[in-house]
C-alpha cells in the first residue's frame, strides 16, 4: 500500500529572500468561492457580516484581515479565505470549496511593488492601488489574484498547477529589481 503525504504547492521551495524582499508561501486556510443567488446579494452581505465579521467586497476590493478575508474574485463572486463558511451563507449563495485549487504567496519588502510592476499590467502606485485593493489580472502569462495587504505587502494567488512557474517568474523579477540597487 502506497503511503501518501500531503504537500503544499511550493513544498520546500519557499520562502525566497532577495534584495530585502521576501516571497513566502502562505496557508490561507479554507478557500471557498461564494456566488450569490439572484436577488440575494444584500442578504448575503448581512449574513457574511454576522457570521464572519466582514462585509461583501466591492469590485476590486477585499474585506476582513489575515485569517478571515473576503476577496473580490469577479462579477458577483468572492473568495472567502480562512474560515469554514457559516451554514447560513448557503441560504444566499452557492459555496464551492476551492482549497486545493490555489497557490497563495505573499510578497513583502520595500521593492515589492517594483517586482510586481514587471509582471502585472496594473498601476501599483500607492495612490491608485492601496491596501485593501485587489485585482484579477494576468501575472506574466498566468491568471492571478493580487491583493495589497499592507504598504509593501501583496497576497498573490495563482492556480496550484502554476506554482513552480510563479516561483520562477517571481524570483527572476526579484533578482532584476535587486540588481538595480532597490532594496
C-alpha atoms as a PDB file:
ATOM      1  CA  UNK A   1       0.000   0.000   0.000  1.00  0.00           C
ATOM      2  CA  UNK A   2       1.422   3.352  -1.036  1.00  0.00           C
ATOM      3  CA  UNK A   3       1.773   5.957   1.666  1.00  0.00           C
ATOM      4  CA  UNK A   4       0.621   9.393   0.546  1.00  0.00           C
ATOM      5  CA  UNK A   5       1.943  12.572   2.091  1.00  0.00           C
ATOM      6  CA  UNK A   6       0.121  15.881   1.758  1.00  0.00           C
ATOM      7  CA  UNK A   7       2.307  18.618   0.301  1.00  0.00           C
ATOM      8  CA  UNK A   8       1.766  22.300  -0.292  1.00  0.00           C
ATOM      9  CA  UNK A   9       2.163  23.569  -3.871  1.00  0.00           C
ATOM     10  CA  UNK A  10       5.609  25.053  -3.107  1.00  0.00           C
ATOM     11  CA  UNK A  11       6.614  22.490  -0.500  1.00  0.00           C
ATOM     12  CA  UNK A  12      10.212  23.227   0.461  1.00  0.00           C
ATOM     13  CA  UNK A  13      10.787  25.806  -2.319  1.00  0.00           C
ATOM     14  CA  UNK A  14       9.802  28.927  -0.383  1.00  0.00           C
ATOM     15  CA  UNK A  15      10.441  31.281   1.368  1.00  0.00           C
ATOM     16  CA  UNK A  16      12.701  33.123  -1.027  1.00  0.00           C
ATOM     17  CA  UNK A  17      14.555  36.252   0.149  1.00  0.00           C
ATOM     18  CA  UNK A  18      16.258  38.524  -2.388  1.00  0.00           C
ATOM     19  CA  UNK A  19      17.301  42.155  -2.028  1.00  0.00           C
ATOM     20  CA  UNK A  20      15.289  42.917   1.098  1.00  0.00           C
ATOM     21  CA  UNK A  21      12.128  41.313  -0.308  1.00  0.00           C
ATOM     22  CA  UNK A  22      10.603  38.012   0.754  1.00  0.00           C
ATOM     23  CA  UNK A  23       8.299  35.688  -1.140  1.00  0.00           C
ATOM     24  CA  UNK A  24       6.598  33.237   1.224  1.00  0.00           C
ATOM     25  CA  UNK A  25       4.026  30.533   0.688  1.00  0.00           C
ATOM     26  CA  UNK A  26       1.028  31.071   2.954  1.00  0.00           C
ATOM     27  CA  UNK A  27      -1.726  28.806   4.165  1.00  0.00           C
ATOM     28  CA  UNK A  28      -4.915  30.831   3.912  1.00  0.00           C
ATOM     29  CA  UNK A  29      -6.981  28.066   5.480  1.00  0.00           C
ATOM     30  CA  UNK A  30     -10.155  27.084   3.732  1.00  0.00           C
ATOM     31  CA  UNK A  31     -10.817  28.789   0.383  1.00  0.00           C
ATOM     32  CA  UNK A  32     -14.468  28.972  -0.636  1.00  0.00           C
ATOM     33  CA  UNK A  33     -15.916  30.659  -3.700  1.00  0.00           C
ATOM     34  CA  UNK A  34     -19.106  32.495  -2.807  1.00  0.00           C
ATOM     35  CA  UNK A  35     -21.567  33.351  -5.605  1.00  0.00           C
ATOM     36  CA  UNK A  36     -24.837  34.988  -4.504  1.00  0.00           C
ATOM     37  CA  UNK A  37     -28.113  33.638  -5.803  1.00  0.00           C
ATOM     38  CA  UNK A  38     -30.114  36.071  -7.920  1.00  0.00           C
ATOM     39  CA  UNK A  39     -31.579  38.800  -5.727  1.00  0.00           C
ATOM     40  CA  UNK A  40     -29.780  37.617  -2.577  1.00  0.00           C
ATOM     41  CA  UNK A  41     -26.771  39.975  -2.640  1.00  0.00           C
ATOM     42  CA  UNK A  42     -27.908  42.203   0.249  1.00  0.00           C
ATOM     43  CA  UNK A  43     -28.975  39.264   2.423  1.00  0.00           C
ATOM     44  CA  UNK A  44     -25.646  37.542   1.739  1.00  0.00           C
ATOM     45  CA  UNK A  45     -23.748  40.665   2.757  1.00  0.00           C
ATOM     46  CA  UNK A  46     -25.634  40.792   6.067  1.00  0.00           C
ATOM     47  CA  UNK A  47     -25.091  37.069   6.686  1.00  0.00           C
ATOM     48  CA  UNK A  48     -21.364  37.361   5.907  1.00  0.00           C
ATOM     49  CA  UNK A  49     -21.041  40.296   8.312  1.00  0.00           C
ATOM     50  CA  UNK A  50     -22.958  38.489  11.078  1.00  0.00           C
ATOM     51  CA  UNK A  51     -21.124  35.178  10.669  1.00  0.00           C
ATOM     52  CA  UNK A  52     -17.582  36.283   9.880  1.00  0.00           C
ATOM     53  CA  UNK A  53     -17.333  39.983  10.787  1.00  0.00           C
ATOM     54  CA  UNK A  54     -16.673  41.250   7.274  1.00  0.00           C
ATOM     55  CA  UNK A  55     -18.798  42.791   4.573  1.00  0.00           C
ATOM     56  CA  UNK A  56     -19.273  41.674   0.987  1.00  0.00           C
ATOM     57  CA  UNK A  57     -16.342  43.098  -1.023  1.00  0.00           C
ATOM     58  CA  UNK A  58     -16.999  45.793  -3.599  1.00  0.00           C
ATOM     59  CA  UNK A  59     -15.421  45.229  -7.038  1.00  0.00           C
ATOM     60  CA  UNK A  60     -11.613  45.272  -6.814  1.00  0.00           C
ATOM     61  CA  UNK A  61     -11.619  45.314  -3.007  1.00  0.00           C
ATOM     62  CA  UNK A  62     -11.036  42.880  -0.165  1.00  0.00           C
ATOM     63  CA  UNK A  63     -12.619  42.953   3.278  1.00  0.00           C
ATOM     64  CA  UNK A  64     -11.566  41.353   6.549  1.00  0.00           C
ATOM     65  CA  UNK A  65      -7.988  40.707   7.624  1.00  0.00           C
ATOM     66  CA  UNK A  66      -5.393  37.939   7.836  1.00  0.00           C
ATOM     67  CA  UNK A  67      -7.112  34.731   8.881  1.00  0.00           C
ATOM     68  CA  UNK A  68     -10.556  35.790   7.629  1.00  0.00           C
ATOM     69  CA  UNK A  69     -10.743  37.687   4.364  1.00  0.00           C
ATOM     70  CA  UNK A  70     -13.278  38.069   1.547  1.00  0.00           C
ATOM     71  CA  UNK A  71     -11.557  38.836  -1.758  1.00  0.00           C
ATOM     72  CA  UNK A  72     -13.466  40.128  -4.790  1.00  0.00           C
ATOM     73  CA  UNK A  73     -12.984  37.396  -7.385  1.00  0.00           C
ATOM     74  CA  UNK A  74     -15.046  38.587 -10.330  1.00  0.00           C
ATOM     75  CA  UNK A  75     -18.534  39.772 -11.148  1.00  0.00           C
ATOM     76  CA  UNK A  76     -20.803  38.802  -8.230  1.00  0.00           C
ATOM     77  CA  UNK A  77     -18.202  36.416  -6.806  1.00  0.00           C
ATOM     78  CA  UNK A  78     -15.848  36.477  -3.850  1.00  0.00           C
ATOM     79  CA  UNK A  79     -13.303  34.113  -2.354  1.00  0.00           C
ATOM     80  CA  UNK A  80     -13.725  33.563   1.373  1.00  0.00           C
ATOM     81  CA  UNK A  81     -10.241  32.816   2.729  1.00  0.00           C
ATOM     82  CA  UNK A  82      -9.758  31.404   6.201  1.00  0.00           C
ATOM     83  CA  UNK A  83     -12.866  30.292   7.997  1.00  0.00           C
ATOM     84  CA  UNK A  84     -15.188  27.427   7.250  1.00  0.00           C
ATOM     85  CA  UNK A  85     -18.185  29.220   5.729  1.00  0.00           C
ATOM     86  CA  UNK A  86     -21.098  29.558   8.126  1.00  0.00           C
ATOM     87  CA  UNK A  87     -24.032  27.315   7.220  1.00  0.00           C
ATOM     88  CA  UNK A  88     -26.403  30.277   6.807  1.00  0.00           C
ATOM     89  CA  UNK A  89     -24.349  31.558   3.861  1.00  0.00           C
ATOM     90  CA  UNK A  90     -25.630  28.601   1.818  1.00  0.00           C
ATOM     91  CA  UNK A  91     -29.149  30.091   2.031  1.00  0.00           C
ATOM     92  CA  UNK A  92     -27.970  33.073  -0.012  1.00  0.00           C
ATOM     93  CA  UNK A  93     -25.133  31.802  -2.221  1.00  0.00           C
ATOM     94  CA  UNK A  94     -23.547  28.864  -3.959  1.00  0.00           C
ATOM     95  CA  UNK A  95     -20.490  27.825  -1.945  1.00  0.00           C
ATOM     96  CA  UNK A  96     -17.688  25.831  -3.559  1.00  0.00           C
ATOM     97  CA  UNK A  97     -14.573  24.569  -1.787  1.00  0.00           C
ATOM     98  CA  UNK A  98     -11.505  25.818  -3.690  1.00  0.00           C
ATOM     99  CA  UNK A  99      -8.895  24.946  -1.054  1.00  0.00           C
ATOM    100  CA  UNK A 100      -6.800  22.614  -3.204  1.00  0.00           C
ATOM    101  CA  UNK A 101      -7.064  24.713  -6.366  1.00  0.00           C
ATOM    102  CA  UNK A 102      -4.841  27.661  -5.470  1.00  0.00           C
ATOM    103  CA  UNK A 103      -1.256  28.538  -4.567  1.00  0.00           C
ATOM    104  CA  UNK A 104      -1.029  31.517  -2.209  1.00  0.00           C
ATOM    105  CA  UNK A 105       2.115  33.564  -1.621  1.00  0.00           C
ATOM    106  CA  UNK A 106       2.934  36.879  -0.023  1.00  0.00           C
ATOM    107  CA  UNK A 107       5.485  39.270  -1.448  1.00  0.00           C
ATOM    108  CA  UNK A 108       6.800  41.716   1.135  1.00  0.00           C
ATOM    109  CA  UNK A 109       9.511  44.314   1.267  1.00  0.00           C
ATOM    110  CA  UNK A 110      10.378  47.782   0.022  1.00  0.00           C
ATOM    111  CA  UNK A 111      10.674  46.705  -3.624  1.00  0.00           C
ATOM    112  CA  UNK A 112       7.540  44.542  -3.755  1.00  0.00           C
ATOM    113  CA  UNK A 113       5.567  46.906  -5.990  1.00  0.00           C
ATOM    114  CA  UNK A 114       8.567  47.210  -8.333  1.00  0.00           C
ATOM    115  CA  UNK A 115       8.724  43.411  -8.613  1.00  0.00           C
ATOM    116  CA  UNK A 116       5.020  43.135  -9.425  1.00  0.00           C
ATOM    117  CA  UNK A 117       5.236  46.041 -11.883  1.00  0.00           C
ATOM    118  CA  UNK A 118       7.456  43.788 -14.015  1.00  0.00           C
ATOM    119  CA  UNK A 119       4.795  41.065 -14.052  1.00  0.00           C
ATOM    120  CA  UNK A 120       1.295  42.560 -13.975  1.00  0.00           C
ATOM    121  CA  UNK A 121      -0.470  45.200 -16.114  1.00  0.00           C
ATOM    122  CA  UNK A 122      -1.661  47.169 -13.066  1.00  0.00           C
ATOM    123  CA  UNK A 123      -0.960  50.664 -11.796  1.00  0.00           C
ATOM    124  CA  UNK A 124       0.526  49.784  -8.405  1.00  0.00           C
ATOM    125  CA  UNK A 125       1.314  53.315  -7.256  1.00  0.00           C
ATOM    126  CA  UNK A 126       0.207  53.819  -3.628  1.00  0.00           C
ATOM    127  CA  UNK A 127      -2.417  56.431  -4.523  1.00  0.00           C
ATOM    128  CA  UNK A 128      -4.035  54.077  -7.029  1.00  0.00           C
ATOM    129  CA  UNK A 129      -3.628  50.571  -5.586  1.00  0.00           C
ATOM    130  CA  UNK A 130      -3.875  50.981  -1.810  1.00  0.00           C
ATOM    131  CA  UNK A 131      -4.125  48.360   0.962  1.00  0.00           C
ATOM    132  CA  UNK A 132      -7.425  46.529   0.576  1.00  0.00           C
ATOM    133  CA  UNK A 133      -7.412  46.841  -3.219  1.00  0.00           C
ATOM    134  CA  UNK A 134      -7.457  43.654  -5.261  1.00  0.00           C
ATOM    135  CA  UNK A 135      -7.480  42.705  -8.927  1.00  0.00           C
ATOM    136  CA  UNK A 136      -7.953  39.626 -11.061  1.00  0.00           C
ATOM    137  CA  UNK A 137      -5.193  40.058 -13.596  1.00  0.00           C
ATOM    138  CA  UNK A 138      -2.556  38.407 -15.685  1.00  0.00           C
ATOM    139  CA  UNK A 139       0.741  37.791 -13.916  1.00  0.00           C
ATOM    140  CA  UNK A 140       3.299  37.223 -16.662  1.00  0.00           C
ATOM    141  CA  UNK A 141       1.251  34.589 -18.547  1.00  0.00           C
ATOM    142  CA  UNK A 142      -0.848  33.214 -15.661  1.00  0.00           C
ATOM    143  CA  UNK A 143      -4.227  34.344 -14.393  1.00  0.00           C
ATOM    144  CA  UNK A 144      -3.876  35.612 -10.830  1.00  0.00           C
ATOM    145  CA  UNK A 145      -5.466  37.476  -7.981  1.00  0.00           C
ATOM    146  CA  UNK A 146      -3.322  40.255  -6.481  1.00  0.00           C
ATOM    147  CA  UNK A 147      -4.381  41.907  -3.212  1.00  0.00           C
ATOM    148  CA  UNK A 148      -2.464  44.652  -1.454  1.00  0.00           C
ATOM    149  CA  UNK A 149      -2.404  43.726   2.224  1.00  0.00           C
ATOM    150  CA  UNK A 150      -0.004  46.395   3.532  1.00  0.00           C
ATOM    151  CA  UNK A 151       2.104  49.338   2.396  1.00  0.00           C
ATOM    152  CA  UNK A 152       4.733  46.986   0.932  1.00  0.00           C
ATOM    153  CA  UNK A 153       2.900  43.649   1.020  1.00  0.00           C
ATOM    154  CA  UNK A 154       0.848  41.728  -1.530  1.00  0.00           C
ATOM    155  CA  UNK A 155      -1.119  38.486  -1.438  1.00  0.00           C
ATOM    156  CA  UNK A 156      -0.906  36.637  -4.755  1.00  0.00           C
ATOM    157  CA  UNK A 157      -2.987  33.629  -5.793  1.00  0.00           C
ATOM    158  CA  UNK A 158      -2.495  31.525  -8.920  1.00  0.00           C
ATOM    159  CA  UNK A 159      -3.772  28.098  -9.880  1.00  0.00           C
ATOM    160  CA  UNK A 160      -1.971  25.355  -7.975  1.00  0.00           C
ATOM    161  CA  UNK A 161      -0.703  23.837 -11.218  1.00  0.00           C
ATOM    162  CA  UNK A 162       1.254  27.064 -11.869  1.00  0.00           C
ATOM    163  CA  UNK A 163       3.098  27.135  -8.517  1.00  0.00           C
ATOM    164  CA  UNK A 164       6.592  26.450  -9.848  1.00  0.00           C
ATOM    165  CA  UNK A 165       6.086  28.858 -12.754  1.00  0.00           C
ATOM    166  CA  UNK A 166       5.010  31.546 -10.279  1.00  0.00           C
ATOM    167  CA  UNK A 167       8.109  30.915  -8.166  1.00  0.00           C
ATOM    168  CA  UNK A 168      10.382  31.116 -11.222  1.00  0.00           C
ATOM    169  CA  UNK A 169       8.812  34.329 -12.550  1.00  0.00           C
ATOM    170  CA  UNK A 170       8.798  35.989  -9.120  1.00  0.00           C
ATOM    171  CA  UNK A 171      12.433  35.033  -8.486  1.00  0.00           C
ATOM    172  CA  UNK A 172      13.509  36.452 -11.854  1.00  0.00           C
ATOM    173  CA  UNK A 173      11.661  39.724 -11.181  1.00  0.00           C
ATOM    174  CA  UNK A 174      13.020  39.949  -7.618  1.00  0.00           C
ATOM    175  CA  UNK A 175      16.582  39.446  -8.887  1.00  0.00           C
ATOM    176  CA  UNK A 176      16.057  42.131 -11.536  1.00  0.00           C
ATOM    177  CA  UNK A 177      14.805  44.683  -9.001  1.00  0.00           C
ATOM    178  CA  UNK A 178      17.617  43.800  -6.566  1.00  0.00           C
ATOM    179  CA  UNK A 179      20.213  44.155  -9.344  1.00  0.00           C
ATOM    180  CA  UNK A 180      19.055  47.729  -9.957  1.00  0.00           C
ATOM    181  CA  UNK A 181      20.009  48.573  -6.379  1.00  0.00           C
ATOM    182  CA  UNK A 182      16.496  48.792  -4.979  1.00  0.00           C
ATOM    183  CA  UNK A 183      16.121  47.253  -1.534  1.00  0.00           C
END
